[in-house]
ModelCIF file with pLDDT and N, C-alpha, C, O atoms, coordinates in Angstrom:
data_MODEL
#
_entry.id   MODEL 
#
_entity.id                         1 
_entity.type                       polymer 
_entity.pdbx_number_of_molecules   1 
#
_entity_poly.entity_id                      1 
_entity_poly.type                           'polypeptide(L)' 
_entity_poly.nstd_linkage                   no 
_entity_poly.nstd_monomer                   no 
_entity_poly.pdbx_seq_one_letter_code       AGGFCALWLRELRVRRGAALAGGLAFCLAPYLAGQASAGHLLAWV 
_entity_poly.pdbx_seq_one_letter_code_can   AGGFCALWLRELRVRRGAALAGGLAFCLAPYLAGQASAGHLLAWV 
_entity_poly.pdbx_strand_id                 A 
#
loop_
_entity_poly_seq.entity_id 
_entity_poly_seq.num 
_entity_poly_seq.mon_id 
_entity_poly_seq.hetero 
1 1  ALA n 
1 2  GLY n 
1 3  GLY n 
1 4  PHE n 
1 5  CYS n 
1 6  ALA n 
1 7  LEU n 
1 8  TRP n 
1 9  LEU n 
1 10 ARG n 
1 11 GLU n 
1 12 LEU n 
1 13 ARG n 
1 14 VAL n 
1 15 ARG n 
1 16 ARG n 
1 17 GLY n 
1 18 ALA n 
1 19 ALA n 
1 20 LEU n 
1 21 ALA n 
1 22 GLY n 
1 23 GLY n 
1 24 LEU n 
1 25 ALA n 
1 26 PHE n 
1 27 CYS n 
1 28 LEU n 
1 29 ALA n 
1 30 PRO n 
1 31 TYR n 
1 32 LEU n 
1 33 ALA n 
1 34 GLY n 
1 35 GLN n 
1 36 ALA n 
1 37 SER n 
1 38 ALA n 
1 39 GLY n 
1 40 HIS n 
1 41 LEU n 
1 42 LEU n 
1 43 ALA n 
1 44 TRP n 
1 45 VAL n 
#
_struct_asym.id          A 
_struct_asym.entity_id   1 
#
loop_
_ma_qa_metric.id 
_ma_qa_metric.mode 
_ma_qa_metric.name 
_ma_qa_metric.software_group_id 
_ma_qa_metric.type 
1 global pLDDT . pLDDT 
2 local  pLDDT . pLDDT 
#
_ma_qa_metric_global.metric_id      1 
_ma_qa_metric_global.metric_value   88.09 
_ma_qa_metric_global.model_id       1 
_ma_qa_metric_global.ordinal_id     1 
#
loop_
_ma_qa_metric_local.label_asym_id 
_ma_qa_metric_local.label_comp_id 
_ma_qa_metric_local.label_seq_id 
_ma_qa_metric_local.metric_id 
_ma_qa_metric_local.metric_value 
_ma_qa_metric_local.model_id 
_ma_qa_metric_local.ordinal_id 
A ALA 1  2 92.00 1 1  
A GLY 2  2 94.00 1 2  
A GLY 3  2 95.00 1 3  
A PHE 4  2 95.00 1 4  
A CYS 5  2 96.00 1 5  
A ALA 6  2 96.00 1 6  
A LEU 7  2 96.00 1 7  
A TRP 8  2 95.00 1 8  
A LEU 9  2 96.00 1 9  
A ARG 10 2 95.00 1 10 
A GLU 11 2 93.00 1 11 
A LEU 12 2 92.00 1 12 
A ARG 13 2 93.00 1 13 
A VAL 14 2 94.00 1 14 
A ARG 15 2 95.00 1 15 
A ARG 16 2 94.00 1 16 
A GLY 17 2 95.00 1 17 
A ALA 18 2 96.00 1 18 
A ALA 19 2 95.00 1 19 
A LEU 20 2 96.00 1 20 
A ALA 21 2 96.00 1 21 
A GLY 22 2 95.00 1 22 
A GLY 23 2 94.00 1 23 
A LEU 24 2 93.00 1 24 
A ALA 25 2 94.00 1 25 
A PHE 26 2 92.00 1 26 
A CYS 27 2 90.00 1 27 
A LEU 28 2 90.00 1 28 
A ALA 29 2 88.00 1 29 
A PRO 30 2 86.00 1 30 
A TYR 31 2 81.00 1 31 
A LEU 32 2 79.00 1 32 
A ALA 33 2 79.00 1 33 
A GLY 34 2 76.00 1 34 
A GLN 35 2 75.00 1 35 
A ALA 36 2 71.00 1 36 
A SER 37 2 68.00 1 37 
A ALA 38 2 66.00 1 38 
A GLY 39 2 69.00 1 39 
A HIS 40 2 76.00 1 40 
A LEU 41 2 78.00 1 41 
A LEU 42 2 80.00 1 42 
A ALA 43 2 80.00 1 43 
A TRP 44 2 86.00 1 44 
A VAL 45 2 89.00 1 45 
#
loop_
_atom_site.group_PDB 
_atom_site.id 
_atom_site.type_symbol 
_atom_site.label_atom_id 
_atom_site.label_alt_id 
_atom_site.label_comp_id 
_atom_site.label_asym_id 
_atom_site.label_entity_id 
_atom_site.label_seq_id 
_atom_site.pdbx_PDB_ins_code 
_atom_site.Cartn_x 
_atom_site.Cartn_y 
_atom_site.Cartn_z 
_atom_site.occupancy 
_atom_site.B_iso_or_equiv 
_atom_site.pdbx_formal_charge 
_atom_site.auth_seq_id 
_atom_site.auth_comp_id 
_atom_site.auth_asym_id 
_atom_site.auth_atom_id 
_atom_site.pdbx_PDB_model_num 
ATOM 1   N N  . ALA A 1 1  ? 16.487 -54.674 -135.391 1.00 92.00 ? 1  ALA A N  1 
ATOM 2   C CA . ALA A 1 1  ? 16.735 -55.349 -134.120 1.00 92.00 ? 1  ALA A CA 1 
ATOM 3   C C  . ALA A 1 1  ? 18.224 -55.542 -133.877 1.00 92.00 ? 1  ALA A C  1 
ATOM 4   O O  . ALA A 1 1  ? 18.732 -55.216 -132.804 1.00 92.00 ? 1  ALA A O  1 
ATOM 5   N N  . GLY A 1 2  ? 18.918 -56.068 -134.871 1.00 94.00 ? 2  GLY A N  1 
ATOM 6   C CA . GLY A 1 2  ? 20.352 -56.286 -134.712 1.00 94.00 ? 2  GLY A CA 1 
ATOM 7   C C  . GLY A 1 2  ? 21.125 -54.987 -134.610 1.00 94.00 ? 2  GLY A C  1 
ATOM 8   O O  . GLY A 1 2  ? 22.055 -54.878 -133.811 1.00 94.00 ? 2  GLY A O  1 
ATOM 9   N N  . GLY A 1 3  ? 20.750 -54.001 -135.413 1.00 95.00 ? 3  GLY A N  1 
ATOM 10  C CA . GLY A 1 3  ? 21.470 -52.741 -135.413 1.00 95.00 ? 3  GLY A CA 1 
ATOM 11  C C  . GLY A 1 3  ? 21.333 -51.977 -134.108 1.00 95.00 ? 3  GLY A C  1 
ATOM 12  O O  . GLY A 1 3  ? 22.327 -51.480 -133.579 1.00 95.00 ? 3  GLY A O  1 
ATOM 13  N N  . PHE A 1 4  ? 20.122 -51.875 -133.582 1.00 95.00 ? 4  PHE A N  1 
ATOM 14  C CA . PHE A 1 4  ? 19.929 -51.147 -132.320 1.00 95.00 ? 4  PHE A CA 1 
ATOM 15  C C  . PHE A 1 4  ? 20.601 -51.863 -131.149 1.00 95.00 ? 4  PHE A C  1 
ATOM 16  O O  . PHE A 1 4  ? 21.135 -51.227 -130.241 1.00 95.00 ? 4  PHE A O  1 
ATOM 17  N N  . CYS A 1 5  ? 20.568 -53.189 -131.185 1.00 96.00 ? 5  CYS A N  1 
ATOM 18  C CA . CYS A 1 5  ? 21.236 -53.931 -130.117 1.00 96.00 ? 5  CYS A CA 1 
ATOM 19  C C  . CYS A 1 5  ? 22.748 -53.710 -130.178 1.00 96.00 ? 5  CYS A C  1 
ATOM 20  O O  . CYS A 1 5  ? 23.387 -53.514 -129.145 1.00 96.00 ? 5  CYS A O  1 
ATOM 21  N N  . ALA A 1 6  ? 23.315 -53.740 -131.369 1.00 96.00 ? 6  ALA A N  1 
ATOM 22  C CA . ALA A 1 6  ? 24.754 -53.512 -131.516 1.00 96.00 ? 6  ALA A CA 1 
ATOM 23  C C  . ALA A 1 6  ? 25.134 -52.087 -131.098 1.00 96.00 ? 6  ALA A C  1 
ATOM 24  O O  . ALA A 1 6  ? 26.168 -51.884 -130.462 1.00 96.00 ? 6  ALA A O  1 
ATOM 25  N N  . LEU A 1 7  ? 24.308 -51.110 -131.451 1.00 96.00 ? 7  LEU A N  1 
ATOM 26  C CA . LEU A 1 7  ? 24.574 -49.734 -131.044 1.00 96.00 ? 7  LEU A CA 1 
ATOM 27  C C  . LEU A 1 7  ? 24.556 -49.589 -129.526 1.00 96.00 ? 7  LEU A C  1 
ATOM 28  O O  . LEU A 1 7  ? 25.391 -48.893 -128.949 1.00 96.00 ? 7  LEU A O  1 
ATOM 29  N N  . TRP A 1 8  ? 23.601 -50.248 -128.893 1.00 95.00 ? 8  TRP A N  1 
ATOM 30  C CA . TRP A 1 8  ? 23.533 -50.212 -127.425 1.00 95.00 ? 8  TRP A CA 1 
ATOM 31  C C  . TRP A 1 8  ? 24.799 -50.803 -126.813 1.00 95.00 ? 8  TRP A C  1 
ATOM 32  O O  . TRP A 1 8  ? 25.378 -50.224 -125.894 1.00 95.00 ? 8  TRP A O  1 
ATOM 33  N N  . LEU A 1 9  ? 25.225 -51.951 -127.320 1.00 96.00 ? 9  LEU A N  1 
ATOM 34  C CA . LEU A 1 9  ? 26.425 -52.601 -126.779 1.00 96.00 ? 9  LEU A CA 1 
ATOM 35  C C  . LEU A 1 9  ? 27.669 -51.754 -127.035 1.00 96.00 ? 9  LEU A C  1 
ATOM 36  O O  . LEU A 1 9  ? 28.558 -51.688 -126.186 1.00 96.00 ? 9  LEU A O  1 
ATOM 37  N N  . ARG A 1 10 ? 27.736 -51.118 -128.177 1.00 95.00 ? 10 ARG A N  1 
ATOM 38  C CA . ARG A 1 10 ? 28.874 -50.242 -128.447 1.00 95.00 ? 10 ARG A CA 1 
ATOM 39  C C  . ARG A 1 10 ? 28.892 -49.041 -127.499 1.00 95.00 ? 10 ARG A C  1 
ATOM 40  O O  . ARG A 1 10 ? 29.956 -48.568 -127.100 1.00 95.00 ? 10 ARG A O  1 
ATOM 41  N N  . GLU A 1 11 ? 27.702 -48.560 -127.148 1.00 93.00 ? 11 GLU A N  1 
ATOM 42  C CA . GLU A 1 11 ? 27.615 -47.444 -126.208 1.00 93.00 ? 11 GLU A CA 1 
ATOM 43  C C  . GLU A 1 11 ? 28.105 -47.858 -124.813 1.00 93.00 ? 11 GLU A C  1 
ATOM 44  O O  . GLU A 1 11 ? 28.521 -47.021 -124.013 1.00 93.00 ? 11 GLU A O  1 
ATOM 45  N N  . LEU A 1 12 ? 28.046 -49.163 -124.543 1.00 92.00 ? 12 LEU A N  1 
ATOM 46  C CA . LEU A 1 12 ? 28.571 -49.705 -123.281 1.00 92.00 ? 12 LEU A CA 1 
ATOM 47  C C  . LEU A 1 12 ? 30.062 -50.004 -123.368 1.00 92.00 ? 12 LEU A C  1 
ATOM 48  O O  . LEU A 1 12 ? 30.627 -50.615 -122.461 1.00 92.00 ? 12 LEU A O  1 
ATOM 49  N N  . ARG A 1 13 ? 30.699 -49.578 -124.449 1.00 93.00 ? 13 ARG A N  1 
ATOM 50  C CA . ARG A 1 13 ? 32.134 -49.770 -124.681 1.00 93.00 ? 13 ARG A CA 1 
ATOM 51  C C  . ARG A 1 13 ? 32.496 -51.240 -124.944 1.00 93.00 ? 13 ARG A C  1 
ATOM 52  O O  . ARG A 1 13 ? 33.638 -51.650 -124.736 1.00 93.00 ? 13 ARG A O  1 
ATOM 53  N N  . VAL A 1 14 ? 31.531 -52.012 -125.392 1.00 94.00 ? 14 VAL A N  1 
ATOM 54  C CA . VAL A 1 14 ? 31.821 -53.383 -125.822 1.00 94.00 ? 14 VAL A CA 1 
ATOM 55  C C  . VAL A 1 14 ? 32.569 -53.319 -127.147 1.00 94.00 ? 14 VAL A C  1 
ATOM 56  O O  . VAL A 1 14 ? 32.291 -52.447 -127.969 1.00 94.00 ? 14 VAL A O  1 
ATOM 57  N N  . ARG A 1 15 ? 33.508 -54.224 -127.364 1.00 95.00 ? 15 ARG A N  1 
ATOM 58  C CA . ARG A 1 15 ? 34.276 -54.228 -128.611 1.00 95.00 ? 15 ARG A CA 1 
ATOM 59  C C  . ARG A 1 15 ? 33.357 -54.470 -129.806 1.00 95.00 ? 15 ARG A C  1 
ATOM 60  O O  . ARG A 1 15 ? 32.297 -55.087 -129.698 1.00 95.00 ? 15 ARG A O  1 
ATOM 61  N N  . ARG A 1 16 ? 33.814 -53.954 -130.961 1.00 94.00 ? 16 ARG A N  1 
ATOM 62  C CA . ARG A 1 16 ? 32.965 -53.979 -132.145 1.00 94.00 ? 16 ARG A CA 1 
ATOM 63  C C  . ARG A 1 16 ? 32.524 -55.398 -132.520 1.00 94.00 ? 16 ARG A C  1 
ATOM 64  O O  . ARG A 1 16 ? 31.347 -55.628 -132.797 1.00 94.00 ? 16 ARG A O  1 
ATOM 65  N N  . GLY A 1 17 ? 33.458 -56.341 -132.528 1.00 95.00 ? 17 GLY A N  1 
ATOM 66  C CA . GLY A 1 17 ? 33.095 -57.704 -132.905 1.00 95.00 ? 17 GLY A CA 1 
ATOM 67  C C  . GLY A 1 17 ? 32.080 -58.317 -131.956 1.00 95.00 ? 17 GLY A C  1 
ATOM 68  O O  . GLY A 1 17 ? 31.142 -58.987 -132.389 1.00 95.00 ? 17 GLY A O  1 
ATOM 69  N N  . ALA A 1 18 ? 32.268 -58.089 -130.652 1.00 96.00 ? 18 ALA A N  1 
ATOM 70  C CA . ALA A 1 18 ? 31.329 -58.625 -129.663 1.00 96.00 ? 18 ALA A CA 1 
ATOM 71  C C  . ALA A 1 18 ? 29.967 -57.951 -129.783 1.00 96.00 ? 18 ALA A C  1 
ATOM 72  O O  . ALA A 1 18 ? 28.935 -58.601 -129.620 1.00 96.00 ? 18 ALA A O  1 
ATOM 73  N N  . ALA A 1 19 ? 29.962 -56.650 -130.068 1.00 95.00 ? 19 ALA A N  1 
ATOM 74  C CA . ALA A 1 19 ? 28.695 -55.942 -130.232 1.00 95.00 ? 19 ALA A CA 1 
ATOM 75  C C  . ALA A 1 19 ? 27.935 -56.455 -131.450 1.00 95.00 ? 19 ALA A C  1 
ATOM 76  O O  . ALA A 1 19 ? 26.717 -56.627 -131.402 1.00 95.00 ? 19 ALA A O  1 
ATOM 77  N N  . LEU A 1 20 ? 28.659 -56.700 -132.543 1.00 96.00 ? 20 LEU A N  1 
ATOM 78  C CA . LEU A 1 20 ? 28.013 -57.260 -133.736 1.00 96.00 ? 20 LEU A CA 1 
ATOM 79  C C  . LEU A 1 20 ? 27.447 -58.643 -133.454 1.00 96.00 ? 20 LEU A C  1 
ATOM 80  O O  . LEU A 1 20 ? 26.358 -58.979 -133.918 1.00 96.00 ? 20 LEU A O  1 
ATOM 81  N N  . ALA A 1 21 ? 28.189 -59.450 -132.691 1.00 96.00 ? 21 ALA A N  1 
ATOM 82  C CA . ALA A 1 21 ? 27.710 -60.782 -132.333 1.00 96.00 ? 21 ALA A CA 1 
ATOM 83  C C  . ALA A 1 21 ? 26.475 -60.703 -131.447 1.00 96.00 ? 21 ALA A C  1 
ATOM 84  O O  . ALA A 1 21 ? 25.539 -61.489 -131.599 1.00 96.00 ? 21 ALA A O  1 
ATOM 85  N N  . GLY A 1 22 ? 26.478 -59.743 -130.514 1.00 95.00 ? 22 GLY A N  1 
ATOM 86  C CA . GLY A 1 22 ? 25.308 -59.572 -129.666 1.00 95.00 ? 22 GLY A CA 1 
ATOM 87  C C  . GLY A 1 22 ? 24.077 -59.180 -130.460 1.00 95.00 ? 22 GLY A C  1 
ATOM 88  O O  . GLY A 1 22 ? 22.985 -59.690 -130.208 1.00 95.00 ? 22 GLY A O  1 
ATOM 89  N N  . GLY A 1 23 ? 24.245 -58.270 -131.425 1.00 94.00 ? 23 GLY A N  1 
ATOM 90  C CA . GLY A 1 23 ? 23.131 -57.898 -132.280 1.00 94.00 ? 23 GLY A CA 1 
ATOM 91  C C  . GLY A 1 23 ? 22.636 -59.060 -133.123 1.00 94.00 ? 23 GLY A C  1 
ATOM 92  O O  . GLY A 1 23 ? 21.437 -59.198 -133.366 1.00 94.00 ? 23 GLY A O  1 
ATOM 93  N N  . LEU A 1 24 ? 23.566 -59.892 -133.565 1.00 93.00 ? 24 LEU A N  1 
ATOM 94  C CA . LEU A 1 24 ? 23.192 -61.062 -134.358 1.00 93.00 ? 24 LEU A CA 1 
ATOM 95  C C  . LEU A 1 24 ? 22.377 -62.043 -133.518 1.00 93.00 ? 24 LEU A C  1 
ATOM 96  O O  . LEU A 1 24 ? 21.383 -62.596 -133.989 1.00 93.00 ? 24 LEU A O  1 
ATOM 97  N N  . ALA A 1 25 ? 22.803 -62.254 -132.274 1.00 94.00 ? 25 ALA A N  1 
ATOM 98  C CA . ALA A 1 25 ? 22.067 -63.166 -131.385 1.00 94.00 ? 25 ALA A CA 1 
ATOM 99  C C  . ALA A 1 25 ? 20.659 -62.647 -131.128 1.00 94.00 ? 25 ALA A C  1 
ATOM 100 O O  . ALA A 1 25 ? 19.705 -63.422 -131.068 1.00 94.00 ? 25 ALA A O  1 
ATOM 101 N N  . PHE A 1 26 ? 20.534 -61.329 -130.977 1.00 92.00 ? 26 PHE A N  1 
ATOM 102 C CA . PHE A 1 26 ? 19.216 -60.764 -130.688 1.00 92.00 ? 26 PHE A CA 1 
ATOM 103 C C  . PHE A 1 26 ? 18.296 -60.859 -131.899 1.00 92.00 ? 26 PHE A C  1 
ATOM 104 O O  . PHE A 1 26 ? 17.141 -61.261 -131.764 1.00 92.00 ? 26 PHE A O  1 
ATOM 105 N N  . CYS A 1 27 ? 18.795 -60.494 -133.085 1.00 90.00 ? 27 CYS A N  1 
ATOM 106 C CA . CYS A 1 27 ? 17.902 -60.476 -134.247 1.00 90.00 ? 27 CYS A CA 1 
ATOM 107 C C  . CYS A 1 27 ? 17.535 -61.879 -134.724 1.00 90.00 ? 27 CYS A C  1 
ATOM 108 O O  . CYS A 1 27 ? 16.515 -62.057 -135.390 1.00 90.00 ? 27 CYS A O  1 
ATOM 109 N N  . LEU A 1 28 ? 18.360 -62.880 -134.389 1.00 90.00 ? 28 LEU A N  1 
ATOM 110 C CA . LEU A 1 28 ? 18.050 -64.259 -134.772 1.00 90.00 ? 28 LEU A CA 1 
ATOM 111 C C  . LEU A 1 28 ? 17.437 -65.058 -133.632 1.00 90.00 ? 28 LEU A C  1 
ATOM 112 O O  . LEU A 1 28 ? 17.244 -66.267 -133.764 1.00 90.00 ? 28 LEU A O  1 
ATOM 113 N N  . ALA A 1 29 ? 17.128 -64.409 -132.519 1.00 88.00 ? 29 ALA A N  1 
ATOM 114 C CA . ALA A 1 29 ? 16.482 -65.104 -131.409 1.00 88.00 ? 29 ALA A CA 1 
ATOM 115 C C  . ALA A 1 29 ? 15.184 -65.745 -131.892 1.00 88.00 ? 29 ALA A C  1 
ATOM 116 O O  . ALA A 1 29 ? 14.451 -65.117 -132.656 1.00 88.00 ? 29 ALA A O  1 
ATOM 117 N N  . PRO A 1 30 ? 14.874 -66.970 -131.476 1.00 86.00 ? 30 PRO A N  1 
ATOM 118 C CA . PRO A 1 30 ? 13.654 -67.641 -131.951 1.00 86.00 ? 30 PRO A CA 1 
ATOM 119 C C  . PRO A 1 30 ? 12.394 -66.812 -131.735 1.00 86.00 ? 30 PRO A C  1 
ATOM 120 O O  . PRO A 1 30 ? 11.476 -66.846 -132.555 1.00 86.00 ? 30 PRO A O  1 
ATOM 121 N N  . TYR A 1 31 ? 12.349 -66.069 -130.637 1.00 81.00 ? 31 TYR A N  1 
ATOM 122 C CA . TYR A 1 31 ? 11.167 -65.233 -130.363 1.00 81.00 ? 31 TYR A CA 1 
ATOM 123 C C  . TYR A 1 31 ? 10.966 -64.212 -131.465 1.00 81.00 ? 31 TYR A C  1 
ATOM 124 O O  . TYR A 1 31 ? 9.873  -64.095 -132.019 1.00 81.00 ? 31 TYR A O  1 
ATOM 125 N N  . LEU A 1 32 ? 12.016 -63.474 -131.786 1.00 79.00 ? 32 LEU A N  1 
ATOM 126 C CA . LEU A 1 32 ? 11.887 -62.409 -132.770 1.00 79.00 ? 32 LEU A CA 1 
ATOM 127 C C  . LEU A 1 32 ? 11.706 -62.973 -134.174 1.00 79.00 ? 32 LEU A C  1 
ATOM 128 O O  . LEU A 1 32 ? 10.838 -62.522 -134.920 1.00 79.00 ? 32 LEU A O  1 
ATOM 129 N N  . ALA A 1 33 ? 12.522 -63.956 -134.532 1.00 79.00 ? 33 ALA A N  1 
ATOM 130 C CA . ALA A 1 33 ? 12.422 -64.531 -135.874 1.00 79.00 ? 33 ALA A CA 1 
ATOM 131 C C  . ALA A 1 33 ? 11.073 -65.206 -136.089 1.00 79.00 ? 33 ALA A C  1 
ATOM 132 O O  . ALA A 1 33 ? 10.499 -65.130 -137.176 1.00 79.00 ? 33 ALA A O  1 
ATOM 133 N N  . GLY A 1 34 ? 10.573 -65.863 -135.055 1.00 76.00 ? 34 GLY A N  1 
ATOM 134 C CA . GLY A 1 34 ? 9.273  -66.525 -135.170 1.00 76.00 ? 34 GLY A CA 1 
ATOM 135 C C  . GLY A 1 34 ? 8.135  -65.537 -135.338 1.00 76.00 ? 34 GLY A C  1 
ATOM 136 O O  . GLY A 1 34 ? 7.208  -65.774 -136.112 1.00 76.00 ? 34 GLY A O  1 
ATOM 137 N N  . GLN A 1 35 ? 8.205  -64.415 -134.606 1.00 75.00 ? 35 GLN A N  1 
ATOM 138 C CA . GLN A 1 35 ? 7.165  -63.402 -134.738 1.00 75.00 ? 35 GLN A CA 1 
ATOM 139 C C  . GLN A 1 35 ? 7.193  -62.758 -136.122 1.00 75.00 ? 35 GLN A C  1 
ATOM 140 O O  . GLN A 1 35 ? 6.141  -62.483 -136.699 1.00 75.00 ? 35 GLN A O  1 
ATOM 141 N N  . ALA A 1 36 ? 8.400  -62.515 -136.659 1.00 71.00 ? 36 ALA A N  1 
ATOM 142 C CA . ALA A 1 36 ? 8.501  -61.931 -137.998 1.00 71.00 ? 36 ALA A CA 1 
ATOM 143 C C  . ALA A 1 36 ? 7.932  -62.881 -139.042 1.00 71.00 ? 36 ALA A C  1 
ATOM 144 O O  . ALA A 1 36 ? 7.219  -62.457 -139.951 1.00 71.00 ? 36 ALA A O  1 
ATOM 145 N N  . SER A 1 37 ? 8.248  -64.164 -138.913 1.00 68.00 ? 37 SER A N  1 
ATOM 146 C CA . SER A 1 37 ? 7.764  -65.143 -139.886 1.00 68.00 ? 37 SER A CA 1 
ATOM 147 C C  . SER A 1 37 ? 6.244  -65.278 -139.835 1.00 68.00 ? 37 SER A C  1 
ATOM 148 O O  . SER A 1 37 ? 5.608  -65.560 -140.850 1.00 68.00 ? 37 SER A O  1 
ATOM 149 N N  . ALA A 1 38 ? 5.668  -65.074 -138.655 1.00 66.00 ? 38 ALA A N  1 
ATOM 150 C CA . ALA A 1 38 ? 4.217  -65.178 -138.520 1.00 66.00 ? 38 ALA A CA 1 
ATOM 151 C C  . ALA A 1 38 ? 3.501  -63.884 -138.885 1.00 66.00 ? 38 ALA A C  1 
ATOM 152 O O  . ALA A 1 38 ? 2.272  -63.853 -138.950 1.00 66.00 ? 38 ALA A O  1 
ATOM 153 N N  . GLY A 1 39 ? 4.261  -62.811 -139.125 1.00 69.00 ? 39 GLY A N  1 
ATOM 154 C CA . GLY A 1 39 ? 3.640  -61.550 -139.490 1.00 69.00 ? 39 GLY A CA 1 
ATOM 155 C C  . GLY A 1 39 ? 3.096  -60.770 -138.319 1.00 69.00 ? 39 GLY A C  1 
ATOM 156 O O  . GLY A 1 39 ? 2.159  -59.987 -138.477 1.00 69.00 ? 39 GLY A O  1 
ATOM 157 N N  . HIS A 1 40 ? 3.670  -60.972 -137.138 1.00 76.00 ? 40 HIS A N  1 
ATOM 158 C CA . HIS A 1 40 ? 3.213  -60.265 -135.941 1.00 76.00 ? 40 HIS A CA 1 
ATOM 159 C C  . HIS A 1 40 ? 4.044  -59.001 -135.730 1.00 76.00 ? 40 HIS A C  1 
ATOM 160 O O  . HIS A 1 40 ? 5.260  -59.017 -135.918 1.00 76.00 ? 40 HIS A O  1 
ATOM 161 N N  . LEU A 1 41 ? 3.396  -57.920 -135.346 1.00 78.00 ? 41 LEU A N  1 
ATOM 162 C CA . LEU A 1 41 ? 4.101  -56.661 -135.106 1.00 78.00 ? 41 LEU A CA 1 
ATOM 163 C C  . LEU A 1 41 ? 5.097  -56.754 -133.964 1.00 78.00 ? 41 LEU A C  1 
ATOM 164 O O  . LEU A 1 41 ? 5.976  -55.900 -133.843 1.00 78.00 ? 41 LEU A O  1 
ATOM 165 N N  . LEU A 1 42 ? 4.977  -57.774 -133.126 1.00 80.00 ? 42 LEU A N  1 
ATOM 166 C CA . LEU A 1 42 ? 5.939  -57.964 -132.038 1.00 80.00 ? 42 LEU A CA 1 
ATOM 167 C C  . LEU A 1 42 ? 7.366  -58.002 -132.553 1.00 80.00 ? 42 LEU A C  1 
ATOM 168 O O  . LEU A 1 42 ? 8.281  -57.544 -131.868 1.00 80.00 ? 42 LEU A O  1 
ATOM 169 N N  . ALA A 1 43 ? 7.569  -58.537 -133.740 1.00 80.00 ? 43 ALA A N  1 
ATOM 170 C CA . ALA A 1 43 ? 8.929  -58.637 -134.282 1.00 80.00 ? 43 ALA A CA 1 
ATOM 171 C C  . ALA A 1 43 ? 9.547  -57.260 -134.452 1.00 80.00 ? 43 ALA A C  1 
ATOM 172 O O  . ALA A 1 43 ? 10.737 -57.078 -134.195 1.00 80.00 ? 43 ALA A O  1 
ATOM 173 N N  . TRP A 1 44 ? 8.757  -56.298 -134.880 1.00 86.00 ? 44 TRP A N  1 
ATOM 174 C CA . TRP A 1 44 ? 9.269  -54.946 -135.088 1.00 86.00 ? 44 TRP A CA 1 
ATOM 175 C C  . TRP A 1 44 ? 9.268  -54.153 -133.786 1.00 86.00 ? 44 TRP A C  1 
ATOM 176 O O  . TRP A 1 44 ? 10.200 -53.392 -133.525 1.00 86.00 ? 44 TRP A O  1 
ATOM 177 N N  . VAL A 1 45 ? 8.247  -54.322 -132.977 1.00 89.00 ? 45 VAL A N  1 
ATOM 178 C CA . VAL A 1 45 ? 8.166  -53.586 -131.716 1.00 89.00 ? 45 VAL A CA 1 
ATOM 179 C C  . VAL A 1 45 ? 9.295  -53.992 -130.775 1.00 89.00 ? 45 VAL A C  1 
ATOM 180 O O  . VAL A 1 45 ? 9.387  -53.474 -129.662 1.00 89.00 ? 45 VAL A O  1 
#
């Protein structure tokens, strides 16, 4: 989740640090983290 989000932001010419931060925000979003903790495929999808 974090890696693909960062790659997308980098493709938009976002600076590396900001892209890494964006990926971090996405992979730690309560929605995604909660689904992973519950064992739901939504976290991976």
